[in-house]
Amino acid sequence: MKEKKRVYEALVDGAMEGLTDEALYDFVKARCPKATSKKIVRASLLALMDPHLRDRNILDVIYALAIKHRLDDGVLDYGEDEEPDERAQPAQAANQNMPQLS
């Protein structure tokens, strides 16, 4: 929890200084070198739930960073041994066995 709080504080401090996107990410990584993208996303969610943070611009910057790194971390990633075409094959094979409707 201590690490997440430091990442949270770095996020808020950087956003308050006007940093956005990669500059904010680099700022957080400089202050918390052990912070992973996953930790940054979790700290971002903590910041978004903080009732004391009311500045819309800061919240928007933190939200954008969280979304960007959440997508980078796995939602769009394929397995290490799996290619995008391989994921579609089971669905295609299932469709080949279906009778054609006229």
PDB file of N, CA and C in Angstrom:
ATOM      1  N   MET A   1       0.828  -1.197   0.000  1.00  0.00           N
ATOM      2  CA  MET A   1       0.000   0.000   0.000  1.00  0.00           C
ATOM      3  C   MET A   1       0.864   1.249   0.000  1.00  0.00           C
ATOM      4  N   LYS A   2       2.021   1.157   0.659  1.00  0.00           N
ATOM      5  CA  LYS A   2       2.910   2.315   0.735  1.00  0.00           C
ATOM      6  C   LYS A   2       3.403   2.724  -0.657  1.00  0.00           C
ATOM      7  N   GLU A   3       3.740   1.726  -1.464  1.00  0.00           N
ATOM      8  CA  GLU A   3       4.210   1.997  -2.829  1.00  0.00           C
ATOM      9  C   GLU A   3       3.104   2.646  -3.661  1.00  0.00           C
ATOM     10  N   LYS A   4       1.882   2.139  -3.526  1.00  0.00           N
ATOM     11  CA  LYS A   4       0.766   2.696  -4.289  1.00  0.00           C
ATOM     12  C   LYS A   4       0.510   4.146  -3.887  1.00  0.00           C
ATOM     13  N   LYS A   5       0.666   4.449  -2.607  1.00  0.00           N
ATOM     14  CA  LYS A   5       0.457   5.816  -2.137  1.00  0.00           C
ATOM     15  C   LYS A   5       1.523   6.753  -2.702  1.00  0.00           C
ATOM     16  N   ARG A   6       2.770   6.277  -2.779  1.00  0.00           N
ATOM     17  CA  ARG A   6       3.830   7.118  -3.369  1.00  0.00           C
ATOM     18  C   ARG A   6       3.563   7.354  -4.856  1.00  0.00           C
ATOM     19  N   VAL A   7       3.117   6.333  -5.544  1.00  0.00           N
ATOM     20  CA  VAL A   7       2.793   6.474  -6.970  1.00  0.00           C
ATOM     21  C   VAL A   7       1.614   7.438  -7.123  1.00  0.00           C
ATOM     22  N   TYR A   8       0.627   7.288  -6.265  1.00  0.00           N
ATOM     23  CA  TYR A   8      -0.544   8.184  -6.264  1.00  0.00           C
ATOM     24  C   TYR A   8      -0.100   9.635  -6.069  1.00  0.00           C
ATOM     25  N   GLU A   9       0.750   9.877  -5.092  1.00  0.00           N
ATOM     26  CA  GLU A   9       1.223  11.246  -4.828  1.00  0.00           C
ATOM     27  C   GLU A   9       2.014  11.792  -6.010  1.00  0.00           C
ATOM     28  N   ALA A  10       2.843  10.948  -6.637  1.00  0.00           N
ATOM     29  CA  ALA A  10       3.603  11.379  -7.809  1.00  0.00           C
ATOM     30  C   ALA A  10       2.665  11.716  -8.968  1.00  0.00           C
ATOM     31  N   LEU A  11       1.627  10.918  -9.156  1.00  0.00           N
ATOM     32  CA  LEU A  11       0.643  11.190 -10.214  1.00  0.00           C
ATOM     33  C   LEU A  11      -0.026  12.550 -10.007  1.00  0.00           C
ATOM     34  N   VAL A  12      -0.497  12.772  -8.804  1.00  0.00           N
ATOM     35  CA  VAL A  12      -1.202  14.012  -8.502  1.00  0.00           C
ATOM     36  C   VAL A  12      -0.254  15.204  -8.605  1.00  0.00           C
ATOM     37  N   ASP A  13       0.951  15.073  -8.069  1.00  0.00           N
ATOM     38  CA  ASP A  13       1.921  16.174  -8.148  1.00  0.00           C
ATOM     39  C   ASP A  13       2.253  16.508  -9.597  1.00  0.00           C
ATOM     40  N   GLY A  14       2.504  15.476 -10.395  1.00  0.00           N
ATOM     41  CA  GLY A  14       2.823  15.711 -11.803  1.00  0.00           C
ATOM     42  C   GLY A  14       1.671  16.344 -12.562  1.00  0.00           C
ATOM     43  N   ALA A  15       0.457  15.870 -12.296  1.00  0.00           N
ATOM     44  CA  ALA A  15      -0.723  16.432 -12.967  1.00  0.00           C
ATOM     45  C   ALA A  15      -0.940  17.888 -12.536  1.00  0.00           C
ATOM     46  N   MET A  16      -0.674  18.184 -11.269  1.00  0.00           N
ATOM     47  CA  MET A  16      -0.818  19.564 -10.790  1.00  0.00           C
ATOM     48  C   MET A  16       0.213  20.501 -11.417  1.00  0.00           C
ATOM     49  N   GLU A  17       1.359  19.943 -11.802  1.00  0.00           N
ATOM     50  CA  GLU A  17       2.387  20.740 -12.474  1.00  0.00           C
ATOM     51  C   GLU A  17       2.071  20.933 -13.951  1.00  0.00           C
ATOM     52  N   GLY A  18       1.028  20.300 -14.430  1.00  0.00           N
ATOM     53  CA  GLY A  18       0.626  20.462 -15.824  1.00  0.00           C
ATOM     54  C   GLY A  18       1.157  19.388 -16.752  1.00  0.00           C
ATOM     55  N   LEU A  19       1.753  18.359 -16.207  1.00  0.00           N
ATOM     56  CA  LEU A  19       2.273  17.274 -17.038  1.00  0.00           C
ATOM     57  C   LEU A  19       1.133  16.401 -17.530  1.00  0.00           C
ATOM     58  N   THR A  20       1.276  15.880 -18.732  1.00  0.00           N
ATOM     59  CA  THR A  20       0.272  14.991 -19.304  1.00  0.00           C
ATOM     60  C   THR A  20       0.959  13.837 -20.012  1.00  0.00           C
ATOM     61  N   ASP A  21       0.213  12.812 -20.270  1.00  0.00           N
ATOM     62  CA  ASP A  21       0.601  11.663 -21.081  1.00  0.00           C
ATOM     63  C   ASP A  21       1.989  11.131 -20.726  1.00  0.00           C
ATOM     64  N   GLU A  22       2.898  11.061 -21.681  1.00  0.00           N
ATOM     65  CA  GLU A  22       4.215  10.480 -21.465  1.00  0.00           C
ATOM     66  C   GLU A  22       5.044  11.277 -20.479  1.00  0.00           C
ATOM     67  N   ALA A  23       4.898  12.588 -20.460  1.00  0.00           N
ATOM     68  CA  ALA A  23       5.647  13.409 -19.509  1.00  0.00           C
ATOM     69  C   ALA A  23       5.234  13.069 -18.080  1.00  0.00           C
ATOM     70  N   LEU A  24       3.955  12.863 -17.861  1.00  0.00           N
ATOM     71  CA  LEU A  24       3.470  12.471 -16.536  1.00  0.00           C
ATOM     72  C   LEU A  24       3.953  11.072 -16.187  1.00  0.00           C
ATOM     73  N   TYR A  25       3.888  10.167 -17.124  1.00  0.00           N
ATOM     74  CA  TYR A  25       4.368   8.805 -16.901  1.00  0.00           C
ATOM     75  C   TYR A  25       5.859   8.809 -16.546  1.00  0.00           C
ATOM     76  N   ASP A  26       6.651   9.567 -17.292  1.00  0.00           N
ATOM     77  CA  ASP A  26       8.090   9.661 -17.021  1.00  0.00           C
ATOM     78  C   ASP A  26       8.356  10.278 -15.647  1.00  0.00           C
ATOM     79  N   PHE A  27       7.551  11.278 -15.273  1.00  0.00           N
ATOM     80  CA  PHE A  27       7.673  11.924 -13.970  1.00  0.00           C
ATOM     81  C   PHE A  27       7.429  10.908 -12.852  1.00  0.00           C
ATOM     82  N   VAL A  28       6.388  10.115 -12.999  1.00  0.00           N
ATOM     83  CA  VAL A  28       6.060   9.106 -11.993  1.00  0.00           C
ATOM     84  C   VAL A  28       7.171   8.056 -11.924  1.00  0.00           C
ATOM     85  N   LYS A  29       7.652   7.605 -13.081  1.00  0.00           N
ATOM     86  CA  LYS A  29       8.716   6.608 -13.110  1.00  0.00           C
ATOM     87  C   LYS A  29      10.009   7.155 -12.497  1.00  0.00           C
ATOM     88  N   ALA A  30      10.271   8.455 -12.644  1.00  0.00           N
ATOM     89  CA  ALA A  30      11.468   9.056 -12.058  1.00  0.00           C
ATOM     90  C   ALA A  30      11.357   9.092 -10.530  1.00  0.00           C
ATOM     91  N   ARG A  31      10.182   9.384 -10.025  1.00  0.00           N
ATOM     92  CA  ARG A  31       9.985   9.446  -8.569  1.00  0.00           C
ATOM     93  C   ARG A  31       9.803   8.065  -7.948  1.00  0.00           C
ATOM     94  N   CYS A  32       9.277   7.148  -8.718  1.00  0.00           N
ATOM     95  CA  CYS A  32       9.027   5.781  -8.222  1.00  0.00           C
ATOM     96  C   CYS A  32       9.553   4.792  -9.260  1.00  0.00           C
ATOM     97  N   PRO A  33      10.857   4.571  -9.284  1.00  0.00           N
ATOM     98  CA  PRO A  33      11.447   3.726 -10.333  1.00  0.00           C
ATOM     99  C   PRO A  33      10.918   2.298 -10.373  1.00  0.00           C
ATOM    100  N   LYS A  34      10.441   1.784  -9.241  1.00  0.00           N
ATOM    101  CA  LYS A  34       9.935   0.411  -9.210  1.00  0.00           C
ATOM    102  C   LYS A  34       8.476   0.313  -9.649  1.00  0.00           C
ATOM    103  N   ALA A  35       7.857   1.433  -9.937  1.00  0.00           N
ATOM    104  CA  ALA A  35       6.440   1.432 -10.326  1.00  0.00           C
ATOM    105  C   ALA A  35       6.271   0.809 -11.705  1.00  0.00           C
ATOM    106  N   THR A  36       5.378  -0.155 -11.765  1.00  0.00           N
ATOM    107  CA  THR A  36       5.044  -0.779 -13.044  1.00  0.00           C
ATOM    108  C   THR A  36       3.810  -0.078 -13.613  1.00  0.00           C
ATOM    109  N   SER A  37       3.500  -0.367 -14.847  1.00  0.00           N
ATOM    110  CA  SER A  37       2.288   0.197 -15.452  1.00  0.00           C
ATOM    111  C   SER A  37       1.062  -0.214 -14.647  1.00  0.00           C
ATOM    112  N   LYS A  38       1.050  -1.442 -14.180  1.00  0.00           N
ATOM    113  CA  LYS A  38      -0.072  -1.937 -13.404  1.00  0.00           C
ATOM    114  C   LYS A  38      -0.245  -1.139 -12.109  1.00  0.00           C
ATOM    115  N   LYS A  39       0.862  -0.847 -11.435  1.00  0.00           N
ATOM    116  CA  LYS A  39       0.793  -0.054 -10.214  1.00  0.00           C
ATOM    117  C   LYS A  39       0.344   1.374 -10.506  1.00  0.00           C
ATOM    118  N   ILE A  40       0.775   1.903 -11.621  1.00  0.00           N
ATOM    119  CA  ILE A  40       0.383   3.261 -12.000  1.00  0.00           C
ATOM    120  C   ILE A  40      -1.109   3.310 -12.288  1.00  0.00           C
ATOM    121  N   VAL A  41      -1.626   2.295 -12.962  1.00  0.00           N
ATOM    122  CA  VAL A  41      -3.069   2.242 -13.238  1.00  0.00           C
ATOM    123  C   VAL A  41      -3.845   2.138 -11.934  1.00  0.00           C
ATOM    124  N   ARG A  42      -3.400   1.307 -11.032  1.00  0.00           N
ATOM    125  CA  ARG A  42      -4.101   1.166  -9.746  1.00  0.00           C
ATOM    126  C   ARG A  42      -4.052   2.450  -8.938  1.00  0.00           C
ATOM    127  N   ALA A  43      -2.908   3.119  -8.935  1.00  0.00           N
ATOM    128  CA  ALA A  43      -2.802   4.395  -8.228  1.00  0.00           C
ATOM    129  C   ALA A  43      -3.680   5.448  -8.899  1.00  0.00           C
ATOM    130  N   SER A  44      -3.809   5.375 -10.210  1.00  0.00           N
ATOM    131  CA  SER A  44      -4.682   6.302 -10.933  1.00  0.00           C
ATOM    132  C   SER A  44      -6.128   6.114 -10.518  1.00  0.00           C
ATOM    133  N   LEU A  45      -6.543   4.865 -10.376  1.00  0.00           N
ATOM    134  CA  LEU A  45      -7.911   4.594  -9.934  1.00  0.00           C
ATOM    135  C   LEU A  45      -8.132   5.089  -8.511  1.00  0.00           C
ATOM    136  N   LEU A  46      -7.123   4.958  -7.678  1.00  0.00           N
ATOM    137  CA  LEU A  46      -7.196   5.484  -6.320  1.00  0.00           C
ATOM    138  C   LEU A  46      -7.378   6.999  -6.360  1.00  0.00           C
ATOM    139  N   ALA A  47      -6.642   7.662  -7.240  1.00  0.00           N
ATOM    140  CA  ALA A  47      -6.761   9.114  -7.370  1.00  0.00           C
ATOM    141  C   ALA A  47      -8.141   9.517  -7.887  1.00  0.00           C
ATOM    142  N   LEU A  48      -8.672   8.746  -8.811  1.00  0.00           N
ATOM    143  CA  LEU A  48      -9.988   9.066  -9.364  1.00  0.00           C
ATOM    144  C   LEU A  48     -11.100   8.907  -8.331  1.00  0.00           C
ATOM    145  N   MET A  49     -10.884   8.051  -7.345  1.00  0.00           N
ATOM    146  CA  MET A  49     -11.891   7.847  -6.307  1.00  0.00           C
ATOM    147  C   MET A  49     -11.719   8.800  -5.124  1.00  0.00           C
ATOM    148  N   ASP A  50     -10.631   9.542  -5.094  1.00  0.00           N
ATOM    149  CA  ASP A  50     -10.347  10.436  -3.973  1.00  0.00           C
ATOM    150  C   ASP A  50     -11.341  11.608  -3.971  1.00  0.00           C
ATOM    151  N   PRO A  51     -12.147  11.736  -2.940  1.00  0.00           N
ATOM    152  CA  PRO A  51     -13.138  12.824  -2.908  1.00  0.00           C
ATOM    153  C   PRO A  51     -12.508  14.206  -2.755  1.00  0.00           C
ATOM    154  N   HIS A  52     -11.236  14.261  -2.350  1.00  0.00           N
ATOM    155  CA  HIS A  52     -10.569  15.549  -2.184  1.00  0.00           C
ATOM    156  C   HIS A  52     -10.066  16.125  -3.501  1.00  0.00           C
ATOM    157  N   LEU A  53      -9.881  15.279  -4.491  1.00  0.00           N
ATOM    158  CA  LEU A  53      -9.452  15.747  -5.816  1.00  0.00           C
ATOM    159  C   LEU A  53     -10.689  16.183  -6.589  1.00  0.00           C
ATOM    160  N   ARG A  54     -10.776  17.465  -6.829  1.00  0.00           N
ATOM    161  CA  ARG A  54     -11.964  17.978  -7.514  1.00  0.00           C
ATOM    162  C   ARG A  54     -11.645  18.724  -8.801  1.00  0.00           C
ATOM    163  N   ASP A  55     -10.373  18.927  -9.070  1.00  0.00           N
ATOM    164  CA  ASP A  55      -9.977  19.655 -10.275  1.00  0.00           C
ATOM    165  C   ASP A  55     -10.194  18.763 -11.493  1.00  0.00           C
ATOM    166  N   ARG A  56     -11.079  19.190 -12.350  1.00  0.00           N
ATOM    167  CA  ARG A  56     -11.470  18.391 -13.519  1.00  0.00           C
ATOM    168  C   ARG A  56     -10.283  18.097 -14.438  1.00  0.00           C
ATOM    169  N   ASN A  57      -9.403  19.078 -14.620  1.00  0.00           N
ATOM    170  CA  ASN A  57      -8.257  18.885 -15.513  1.00  0.00           C
ATOM    171  C   ASN A  57      -7.309  17.824 -14.979  1.00  0.00           C
ATOM    172  N   ILE A  58      -7.059  17.840 -13.689  1.00  0.00           N
ATOM    173  CA  ILE A  58      -6.178  16.839 -13.087  1.00  0.00           C
ATOM    174  C   ILE A  58      -6.800  15.448 -13.215  1.00  0.00           C
ATOM    175  N   LEU A  59      -8.082  15.361 -12.932  1.00  0.00           N
ATOM    176  CA  LEU A  59      -8.772  14.072 -13.046  1.00  0.00           C
ATOM    177  C   LEU A  59      -8.772  13.561 -14.481  1.00  0.00           C
ATOM    178  N   ASP A  60      -8.961  14.460 -15.443  1.00  0.00           N
ATOM    179  CA  ASP A  60      -8.947  14.050 -16.854  1.00  0.00           C
ATOM    180  C   ASP A  60      -7.581  13.522 -17.275  1.00  0.00           C
ATOM    181  N   VAL A  61      -6.521  14.184 -16.824  1.00  0.00           N
ATOM    182  CA  VAL A  61      -5.160  13.762 -17.169  1.00  0.00           C
ATOM    183  C   VAL A  61      -4.867  12.390 -16.572  1.00  0.00           C
ATOM    184  N   ILE A  62      -5.233  12.211 -15.304  1.00  0.00           N
ATOM    185  CA  ILE A  62      -4.989  10.931 -14.633  1.00  0.00           C
ATOM    186  C   ILE A  62      -5.826   9.828 -15.277  1.00  0.00           C
ATOM    187  N   TYR A  63      -7.061  10.136 -15.618  1.00  0.00           N
ATOM    188  CA  TYR A  63      -7.938   9.165 -16.271  1.00  0.00           C
ATOM    189  C   TYR A  63      -7.354   8.735 -17.624  1.00  0.00           C
ATOM    190  N   ALA A  64      -6.904   9.696 -18.411  1.00  0.00           N
ATOM    191  CA  ALA A  64      -6.336   9.384 -19.729  1.00  0.00           C
ATOM    192  C   ALA A  64      -5.096   8.504 -19.594  1.00  0.00           C
ATOM    193  N   LEU A  65      -4.263   8.798 -18.612  1.00  0.00           N
ATOM    194  CA  LEU A  65      -3.063   7.988 -18.396  1.00  0.00           C
ATOM    195  C   LEU A  65      -3.442   6.564 -17.980  1.00  0.00           C
ATOM    196  N   ALA A  66      -4.415   6.443 -17.101  1.00  0.00           N
ATOM    197  CA  ALA A  66      -4.848   5.121 -16.643  1.00  0.00           C
ATOM    198  C   ALA A  66      -5.397   4.295 -17.800  1.00  0.00           C
ATOM    199  N   ILE A  67      -6.231   4.892 -18.619  1.00  0.00           N
ATOM    200  CA  ILE A  67      -6.819   4.169 -19.750  1.00  0.00           C
ATOM    201  C   ILE A  67      -5.739   3.733 -20.728  1.00  0.00           C
ATOM    202  N   LYS A  68      -4.837   4.639 -21.048  1.00  0.00           N
ATOM    203  CA  LYS A  68      -3.789   4.322 -22.012  1.00  0.00           C
ATOM    204  C   LYS A  68      -2.936   3.154 -21.527  1.00  0.00           C
ATOM    205  N   HIS A  69      -2.549   3.181 -20.266  1.00  0.00           N
ATOM    206  CA  HIS A  69      -1.681   2.128 -19.762  1.00  0.00           C
ATOM    207  C   HIS A  69      -2.442   0.856 -19.434  1.00  0.00           C
ATOM    208  N   ARG A  70      -3.702   0.945 -19.191  1.00  0.00           N
ATOM    209  CA  ARG A  70      -4.511  -0.262 -18.993  1.00  0.00           C
ATOM    210  C   ARG A  70      -4.621  -1.021 -20.306  1.00  0.00           C
ATOM    211  N   LEU A  71      -4.824  -0.293 -21.379  1.00  0.00           N
ATOM    212  CA  LEU A  71      -4.903  -0.941 -22.688  1.00  0.00           C
ATOM    213  C   LEU A  71      -3.550  -1.497 -23.103  1.00  0.00           C
ATOM    214  N   ASP A  72      -2.481  -0.786 -22.780  1.00  0.00           N
ATOM    215  CA  ASP A  72      -1.144  -1.259 -23.115  1.00  0.00           C
ATOM    216  C   ASP A  72      -0.777  -2.515 -22.341  1.00  0.00           C
ATOM    217  N   ASP A  73      -1.360  -2.692 -21.153  1.00  0.00           N
ATOM    218  CA  ASP A  73      -0.944  -3.771 -20.264  1.00  0.00           C
ATOM    219  C   ASP A  73      -1.617  -5.098 -20.482  1.00  0.00           C
ATOM    220  N   GLY A  74      -2.543  -5.227 -21.358  1.00  0.00           N
ATOM    221  CA  GLY A  74      -3.059  -6.570 -21.495  1.00  0.00           C
ATOM    222  C   GLY A  74      -4.395  -6.707 -22.160  1.00  0.00           C
ATOM    223  N   VAL A  75      -5.190  -5.691 -22.195  1.00  0.00           N
ATOM    224  CA  VAL A  75      -6.498  -5.845 -22.813  1.00  0.00           C
ATOM    225  C   VAL A  75      -6.333  -6.162 -24.289  1.00  0.00           C
ATOM    226  N   LEU A  76      -5.375  -5.540 -24.927  1.00  0.00           N
ATOM    227  CA  LEU A  76      -5.167  -5.772 -26.352  1.00  0.00           C
ATOM    228  C   LEU A  76      -4.002  -6.709 -26.634  1.00  0.00           C
ATOM    229  N   ASP A  77      -3.299  -7.141 -25.573  1.00  0.00           N
ATOM    230  CA  ASP A  77      -2.169  -8.041 -25.776  1.00  0.00           C
ATOM    231  C   ASP A  77      -2.652  -9.455 -26.072  1.00  0.00           C
ATOM    232  N   TYR A  78      -1.940 -10.116 -26.943  1.00  0.00           N
ATOM    233  CA  TYR A  78      -2.193 -11.519 -27.217  1.00  0.00           C
ATOM    234  C   TYR A  78      -1.204 -12.332 -26.412  1.00  0.00           C
ATOM    235  N   GLY A  79      -1.469 -13.605 -26.267  1.00  0.00           N
ATOM    236  CA  GLY A  79      -0.544 -14.470 -25.551  1.00  0.00           C
ATOM    237  C   GLY A  79       0.803 -14.466 -26.232  1.00  0.00           C
ATOM    238  N   GLU A  80       1.831 -14.852 -25.502  1.00  0.00           N
ATOM    239  CA  GLU A  80       3.184 -14.821 -26.046  1.00  0.00           C
ATOM    240  C   GLU A  80       3.331 -15.727 -27.261  1.00  0.00           C
ATOM    241  N   ASP A  81       2.702 -16.872 -27.221  1.00  0.00           N
ATOM    242  CA  ASP A  81       2.838 -17.828 -28.314  1.00  0.00           C
ATOM    243  C   ASP A  81       1.713 -17.719 -29.332  1.00  0.00           C
ATOM    244  N   GLU A  82       0.809 -16.810 -29.099  1.00  0.00           N
ATOM    245  CA  GLU A  82      -0.398 -16.753 -29.905  1.00  0.00           C
ATOM    246  C   GLU A  82      -0.377 -15.517 -30.809  1.00  0.00           C
ATOM    247  N   GLU A  83      -0.682 -15.708 -32.033  1.00  0.00           N
ATOM    248  CA  GLU A  83      -0.796 -14.617 -32.991  1.00  0.00           C
ATOM    249  C   GLU A  83      -2.264 -14.246 -33.134  1.00  0.00           C
ATOM    250  N   PRO A  84      -2.580 -13.018 -33.578  1.00  0.00           N
ATOM    251  CA  PRO A  84      -3.985 -12.626 -33.732  1.00  0.00           C
ATOM    252  C   PRO A  84      -4.774 -13.565 -34.626  1.00  0.00           C
ATOM    253  N   ASP A  85      -4.147 -14.093 -35.673  1.00  0.00           N
ATOM    254  CA  ASP A  85      -4.848 -14.977 -36.585  1.00  0.00           C
ATOM    255  C   ASP A  85      -5.216 -16.302 -35.905  1.00  0.00           C
ATOM    256  N   GLU A  86      -4.382 -16.747 -34.977  1.00  0.00           N
ATOM    257  CA  GLU A  86      -4.646 -17.996 -34.283  1.00  0.00           C
ATOM    258  C   GLU A  86      -5.865 -17.885 -33.380  1.00  0.00           C
ATOM    259  N   ARG A  87      -6.146 -16.715 -32.860  1.00  0.00           N
ATOM    260  CA  ARG A  87      -7.304 -16.538 -31.999  1.00  0.00           C
ATOM    261  C   ARG A  87      -8.595 -16.661 -32.796  1.00  0.00           C
ATOM    262  N   ALA A  88      -8.576 -16.298 -34.054  1.00  0.00           N
ATOM    263  CA  ALA A  88      -9.781 -16.329 -34.872  1.00  0.00           C
ATOM    264  C   ALA A  88     -10.063 -17.725 -35.424  1.00  0.00           C
ATOM    265  N   GLN A  89      -9.092 -18.615 -35.454  1.00  0.00           N
ATOM    266  CA  GLN A  89      -9.266 -19.927 -36.055  1.00  0.00           C
ATOM    267  C   GLN A  89     -10.361 -20.762 -35.416  1.00  0.00           C
ATOM    268  N   PRO A  90     -10.485 -20.847 -34.101  1.00  0.00           N
ATOM    269  CA  PRO A  90     -11.569 -21.667 -33.551  1.00  0.00           C
ATOM    270  C   PRO A  90     -12.950 -21.191 -33.996  1.00  0.00           C
ATOM    271  N   ALA A  91     -13.147 -19.906 -34.066  1.00  0.00           N
ATOM    272  CA  ALA A  91     -14.442 -19.383 -34.508  1.00  0.00           C
ATOM    273  C   ALA A  91     -14.676 -19.722 -35.980  1.00  0.00           C
ATOM    274  N   GLN A  92     -13.642 -19.622 -36.792  1.00  0.00           N
ATOM    275  CA  GLN A  92     -13.785 -19.954 -38.207  1.00  0.00           C
ATOM    276  C   GLN A  92     -14.069 -21.441 -38.372  1.00  0.00           C
ATOM    277  N   ALA A  93     -13.402 -22.282 -37.597  1.00  0.00           N
ATOM    278  CA  ALA A  93     -13.618 -23.725 -37.698  1.00  0.00           C
ATOM    279  C   ALA A  93     -15.041 -24.072 -37.284  1.00  0.00           C
ATOM    280  N   ALA A  94     -15.549 -23.424 -36.258  1.00  0.00           N
ATOM    281  CA  ALA A  94     -16.910 -23.681 -35.811  1.00  0.00           C
ATOM    282  C   ALA A  94     -17.908 -23.273 -36.886  1.00  0.00           C
ATOM    283  N   ASN A  95     -17.642 -22.196 -37.580  1.00  0.00           N
ATOM    284  CA  ASN A  95     -18.552 -21.722 -38.629  1.00  0.00           C
ATOM    285  C   ASN A  95     -18.544 -22.649 -39.843  1.00  0.00           C
ATOM    286  N   GLN A  96     -17.454 -23.351 -40.095  1.00  0.00           N
ATOM    287  CA  GLN A  96     -17.386 -24.237 -41.243  1.00  0.00           C
ATOM    288  C   GLN A  96     -18.294 -25.450 -41.060  1.00  0.00           C
ATOM    289  N   ASN A  97     -18.552 -25.840 -39.824  1.00  0.00           N
ATOM    290  CA  ASN A  97     -19.376 -27.005 -39.549  1.00  0.00           C
ATOM    291  C   ASN A  97     -20.858 -26.654 -39.503  1.00  0.00           C
ATOM    292  N   MET A  98     -21.190 -25.407 -39.562  1.00  0.00           N
ATOM    293  CA  MET A  98     -22.586 -24.979 -39.499  1.00  0.00           C
ATOM    294  C   MET A  98     -23.237 -25.111 -40.878  1.00  0.00           C
ATOM    295  N   PRO A  99     -24.460 -25.609 -40.927  1.00  0.00           N
ATOM    296  CA  PRO A  99     -25.151 -25.711 -42.229  1.00  0.00           C
ATOM    297  C   PRO A  99     -25.466 -24.303 -42.747  1.00  0.00           C
ATOM    298  N   GLN A 100     -25.413 -24.161 -44.047  1.00  0.00           N
ATOM    299  CA  GLN A 100     -25.713 -22.886 -44.681  1.00  0.00           C
ATOM    300  C   GLN A 100     -27.215 -22.687 -44.747  1.00  0.00           C
ATOM    301  N   LEU A 101     -27.666 -21.528 -44.339  1.00  0.00           N
ATOM    302  CA  LEU A 101     -29.086 -21.195 -44.399  1.00  0.00           C
ATOM    303  C   LEU A 101     -29.368 -20.444 -45.691  1.00  0.00           C
ATOM    304  N   SER A 102     -30.385 -20.825 -46.390  1.00  0.00           N
ATOM    305  CA  SER A 102     -30.700 -20.160 -47.659  1.00  0.00           C
ATOM    306  C   SER A 102     -31.927 -19.312 -47.508  1.00  0.00           C
TER     307      SER A 102
END
